[in-house]
Amino acid sequence: MTVSVNRELCYGSGECAFRLPSVFTTADGLGAVVPGREDTGDDPEVRDAAERCPSQAISL
């Protein structure tokens, strides 16, 4: 399952990067998926980070 961050919804809280820096980072002040980690959507920690995103910008 692929994970992505909708940069139009993201307001840059950094919650995803704080919770799971191995998968998420920030770029230009907004959340982003670390290159090469896009196929980690099946990971329970990634699902948890998506559920906790305050702007609901992470999709699986």
Protein backbone atom coordinates (compact mmCIF):
# COMPACT_ATOMS: atom_id res chain seq x y z
CA MET A 1 0.00 0.00 0.00
CA THR A 2 1.34 3.41 -0.97
CA VAL A 3 1.55 6.34 1.43
CA SER A 4 1.49 9.97 0.32
CA VAL A 5 1.06 13.46 1.75
CA ASN A 6 -1.36 15.89 0.13
CA ARG A 7 0.59 19.14 0.22
CA GLU A 8 -2.58 21.15 -0.38
CA LEU A 9 -4.08 19.85 2.89
CA CYS A 10 -0.87 19.77 4.94
CA TYR A 11 -0.24 22.82 7.10
CA GLY A 12 3.19 21.72 8.34
CA SER A 13 2.62 20.64 11.94
CA GLY A 14 5.47 18.13 11.56
CA GLU A 15 3.57 15.54 13.58
CA CYS A 16 4.24 12.82 11.00
CA ALA A 17 7.99 13.48 10.87
CA PHE A 18 8.14 13.60 14.66
CA ARG A 19 6.28 10.29 15.03
CA LEU A 20 7.96 8.37 12.22
CA PRO A 21 11.11 10.05 10.82
CA SER A 22 12.06 6.90 8.94
CA VAL A 23 9.04 7.42 6.64
CA PHE A 24 8.11 11.11 6.88
CA THR A 25 10.10 14.31 6.60
CA THR A 26 9.42 17.97 5.93
CA ALA A 27 10.12 19.79 2.70
CA ASP A 28 9.49 23.50 2.27
CA GLY A 29 7.77 23.51 5.66
CA LEU A 30 5.26 20.79 4.74
CA GLY A 31 5.11 17.06 5.32
CA ALA A 32 6.53 14.66 2.76
CA VAL A 33 7.33 10.98 2.41
CA VAL A 34 11.01 10.07 2.51
CA PRO A 35 12.04 9.01 -1.01
CA GLY A 36 11.96 5.24 -1.33
CA ARG A 37 9.51 4.81 1.56
CA GLU A 38 6.29 5.29 -0.43
CA ASP A 39 5.34 1.60 -0.22
CA THR A 40 5.13 1.44 3.59
CA GLY A 41 1.39 2.03 3.95
CA ASP A 42 0.84 -1.47 5.35
CA ASP A 43 3.00 -0.69 8.38
CA PRO A 44 0.85 -0.18 11.53
CA GLU A 45 3.03 2.78 12.59
CA VAL A 46 2.41 4.49 9.25
CA ARG A 47 -1.34 3.91 9.60
CA ASP A 48 -1.18 5.38 13.11
CA ALA A 49 0.69 8.47 11.85
CA ALA A 50 -1.93 8.92 9.11
CA GLU A 51 -4.77 8.70 11.64
CA ARG A 52 -3.07 11.23 13.92
CA CYS A 53 -2.27 13.77 11.20
CA PRO A 54 -4.04 16.96 12.40
CA SER A 55 -4.77 18.11 8.84
CA GLN A 56 -5.66 14.59 7.59
CA ALA A 57 -3.19 15.12 4.74
CA ILE A 58 -1.70 11.59 4.79
CA SER A 59 -3.38 9.03 2.57
CA LEU A 60 -2.79 5.31 2.24
